[in-house]
């Protein structure tokens, strides 16, 4: 989790590694919970299939996208980062 420096401020980013058996239920429940808490972005990695699901809040609206395999995801908020799902998945799935 990434937060502002001040205590009590909303999380900027939550990142989770999904369990295949609970992926759908967890995604729906956590998406709504994080949105209600004002979390800026929520990323879920499903390592077996190298899929990164991204939910972001921009200008008061929520946007979702899915990045798969060797596709590159580049974020600038809350910090610049480059993520390739297949590379992350190799480090998780053994």
C-alpha atoms as a PDB file:
ATOM      1  CA  UNK A   1       0.000   0.000   0.000  1.00  0.00           C
ATOM      2  CA  UNK A   2       1.158   3.522  -0.745  1.00  0.00           C
ATOM      3  CA  UNK A   3      -0.183   6.482   1.253  1.00  0.00           C
ATOM      4  CA  UNK A   4       0.278  10.218   1.460  1.00  0.00           C
ATOM      5  CA  UNK A   5       2.696  11.186   4.198  1.00  0.00           C
ATOM      6  CA  UNK A   6      -0.059  12.491   6.476  1.00  0.00           C
ATOM      7  CA  UNK A   7      -1.745   9.913   8.677  1.00  0.00           C
ATOM      8  CA  UNK A   8      -5.411   9.318   7.936  1.00  0.00           C
ATOM      9  CA  UNK A   9      -5.210  10.293   4.267  1.00  0.00           C
ATOM     10  CA  UNK A  10      -6.504   7.793   1.695  1.00  0.00           C
ATOM     11  CA  UNK A  11      -4.218   5.209   0.125  1.00  0.00           C
ATOM     12  CA  UNK A  12      -2.807   6.217  -3.216  1.00  0.00           C
ATOM     13  CA  UNK A  13      -2.299   2.654  -4.429  1.00  0.00           C
ATOM     14  CA  UNK A  14      -3.228  -0.878  -3.338  1.00  0.00           C
ATOM     15  CA  UNK A  15      -1.589  -3.853  -5.078  1.00  0.00           C
ATOM     16  CA  UNK A  16      -2.613  -7.470  -4.566  1.00  0.00           C
ATOM     17  CA  UNK A  17      -1.650 -10.865  -5.907  1.00  0.00           C
ATOM     18  CA  UNK A  18      -4.847 -12.743  -6.678  1.00  0.00           C
ATOM     19  CA  UNK A  19      -5.715 -16.279  -5.757  1.00  0.00           C
ATOM     20  CA  UNK A  20      -7.402 -17.914  -8.750  1.00  0.00           C
ATOM     21  CA  UNK A  21     -10.065 -19.544  -6.572  1.00  0.00           C
ATOM     22  CA  UNK A  22     -11.381 -16.223  -5.230  1.00  0.00           C
ATOM     23  CA  UNK A  23     -10.382 -13.783  -7.983  1.00  0.00           C
ATOM     24  CA  UNK A  24     -13.855 -12.744  -9.180  1.00  0.00           C
ATOM     25  CA  UNK A  25     -15.377 -12.297  -5.724  1.00  0.00           C
ATOM     26  CA  UNK A  26     -12.286 -10.537  -4.344  1.00  0.00           C
ATOM     27  CA  UNK A  27     -12.063  -8.175  -7.315  1.00  0.00           C
ATOM     28  CA  UNK A  28     -15.679  -7.042  -7.040  1.00  0.00           C
ATOM     29  CA  UNK A  29     -15.677  -6.694  -3.264  1.00  0.00           C
ATOM     30  CA  UNK A  30     -12.329  -4.945  -3.018  1.00  0.00           C
ATOM     31  CA  UNK A  31     -12.983  -2.681  -5.991  1.00  0.00           C
ATOM     32  CA  UNK A  32     -16.060  -1.279  -4.268  1.00  0.00           C
ATOM     33  CA  UNK A  33     -14.377  -1.114  -0.853  1.00  0.00           C
ATOM     34  CA  UNK A  34     -11.281   0.679  -2.152  1.00  0.00           C
ATOM     35  CA  UNK A  35     -13.427   3.117  -4.146  1.00  0.00           C
ATOM     36  CA  UNK A  36     -15.483   3.921  -1.055  1.00  0.00           C
ATOM     37  CA  UNK A  37     -12.266   4.582   0.893  1.00  0.00           C
ATOM     38  CA  UNK A  38     -10.987   6.955  -1.790  1.00  0.00           C
ATOM     39  CA  UNK A  39      -8.046   4.787  -2.892  1.00  0.00           C
ATOM     40  CA  UNK A  40      -6.514   6.298  -6.021  1.00  0.00           C
ATOM     41  CA  UNK A  41      -5.564   3.047  -7.777  1.00  0.00           C
ATOM     42  CA  UNK A  42      -6.013  -0.679  -7.247  1.00  0.00           C
ATOM     43  CA  UNK A  43      -3.912  -3.244  -9.121  1.00  0.00           C
ATOM     44  CA  UNK A  44      -4.414  -7.001  -9.044  1.00  0.00           C
ATOM     45  CA  UNK A  45      -1.897  -9.444 -10.515  1.00  0.00           C
ATOM     46  CA  UNK A  46      -3.185 -12.867 -11.513  1.00  0.00           C
ATOM     47  CA  UNK A  47       0.177 -14.636 -11.873  1.00  0.00           C
ATOM     48  CA  UNK A  48      -0.956 -17.904 -13.446  1.00  0.00           C
ATOM     49  CA  UNK A  49      -2.130 -16.096 -16.571  1.00  0.00           C
ATOM     50  CA  UNK A  50       0.162 -13.051 -16.345  1.00  0.00           C
ATOM     51  CA  UNK A  51      -2.753 -10.604 -16.154  1.00  0.00           C
ATOM     52  CA  UNK A  52      -2.650  -7.249 -14.385  1.00  0.00           C
ATOM     53  CA  UNK A  53      -6.056  -5.666 -13.735  1.00  0.00           C
ATOM     54  CA  UNK A  54      -5.858  -1.944 -13.056  1.00  0.00           C
ATOM     55  CA  UNK A  55      -8.485   0.368 -11.632  1.00  0.00           C
ATOM     56  CA  UNK A  56      -7.609   4.066 -11.445  1.00  0.00           C
ATOM     57  CA  UNK A  57      -9.408   7.209 -10.357  1.00  0.00           C
ATOM     58  CA  UNK A  58      -8.797  10.165 -12.663  1.00  0.00           C
ATOM     59  CA  UNK A  59     -10.677  13.454 -12.439  1.00  0.00           C
ATOM     60  CA  UNK A  60     -13.299  11.873 -10.159  1.00  0.00           C
ATOM     61  CA  UNK A  61     -14.064   8.978 -12.513  1.00  0.00           C
ATOM     62  CA  UNK A  62     -12.972   5.343 -12.310  1.00  0.00           C
ATOM     63  CA  UNK A  63     -11.266   3.614 -15.224  1.00  0.00           C
ATOM     64  CA  UNK A  64     -10.450  -0.068 -15.632  1.00  0.00           C
ATOM     65  CA  UNK A  65      -8.008  -1.779 -17.911  1.00  0.00           C
ATOM     66  CA  UNK A  66      -6.354  -5.133 -18.293  1.00  0.00           C
ATOM     67  CA  UNK A  67      -2.732  -5.669 -19.256  1.00  0.00           C
ATOM     68  CA  UNK A  68      -1.721  -9.168 -20.305  1.00  0.00           C
ATOM     69  CA  UNK A  69       1.462 -11.136 -20.893  1.00  0.00           C
ATOM     70  CA  UNK A  70       4.340  -9.109 -22.326  1.00  0.00           C
ATOM     71  CA  UNK A  71       2.302  -5.926 -22.762  1.00  0.00           C
ATOM     72  CA  UNK A  72       3.763  -2.951 -20.910  1.00  0.00           C
ATOM     73  CA  UNK A  73       1.799  -0.930 -18.360  1.00  0.00           C
ATOM     74  CA  UNK A  74       3.259   2.466 -17.528  1.00  0.00           C
ATOM     75  CA  UNK A  75       1.825   4.489 -14.680  1.00  0.00           C
ATOM     76  CA  UNK A  76       2.690   8.011 -13.632  1.00  0.00           C
ATOM     77  CA  UNK A  77       0.461   8.173 -10.555  1.00  0.00           C
ATOM     78  CA  UNK A  78       1.203   7.792  -7.680  1.00  0.00           C
ATOM     79  CA  UNK A  79       4.755   7.421  -9.048  1.00  0.00           C
ATOM     80  CA  UNK A  80       6.354   6.518 -12.374  1.00  0.00           C
ATOM     81  CA  UNK A  81       6.586   2.759 -12.830  1.00  0.00           C
ATOM     82  CA  UNK A  82       6.777   0.300 -15.720  1.00  0.00           C
ATOM     83  CA  UNK A  83       5.139  -3.107 -15.203  1.00  0.00           C
ATOM     84  CA  UNK A  84       5.156  -6.159 -17.463  1.00  0.00           C
ATOM     85  CA  UNK A  85       2.749  -8.816 -16.143  1.00  0.00           C
ATOM     86  CA  UNK A  86       4.725 -11.772 -17.529  1.00  0.00           C
ATOM     87  CA  UNK A  87       7.880 -10.583 -15.761  1.00  0.00           C
ATOM     88  CA  UNK A  88       6.059 -10.180 -12.455  1.00  0.00           C
ATOM     89  CA  UNK A  89       4.362 -13.545 -12.843  1.00  0.00           C
ATOM     90  CA  UNK A  90       7.668 -15.358 -13.318  1.00  0.00           C
ATOM     91  CA  UNK A  91       8.800 -14.108  -9.929  1.00  0.00           C
ATOM     92  CA  UNK A  92       5.541 -15.234  -8.219  1.00  0.00           C
ATOM     93  CA  UNK A  93       4.735 -18.572  -9.891  1.00  0.00           C
ATOM     94  CA  UNK A  94       7.291 -21.291  -9.240  1.00  0.00           C
END
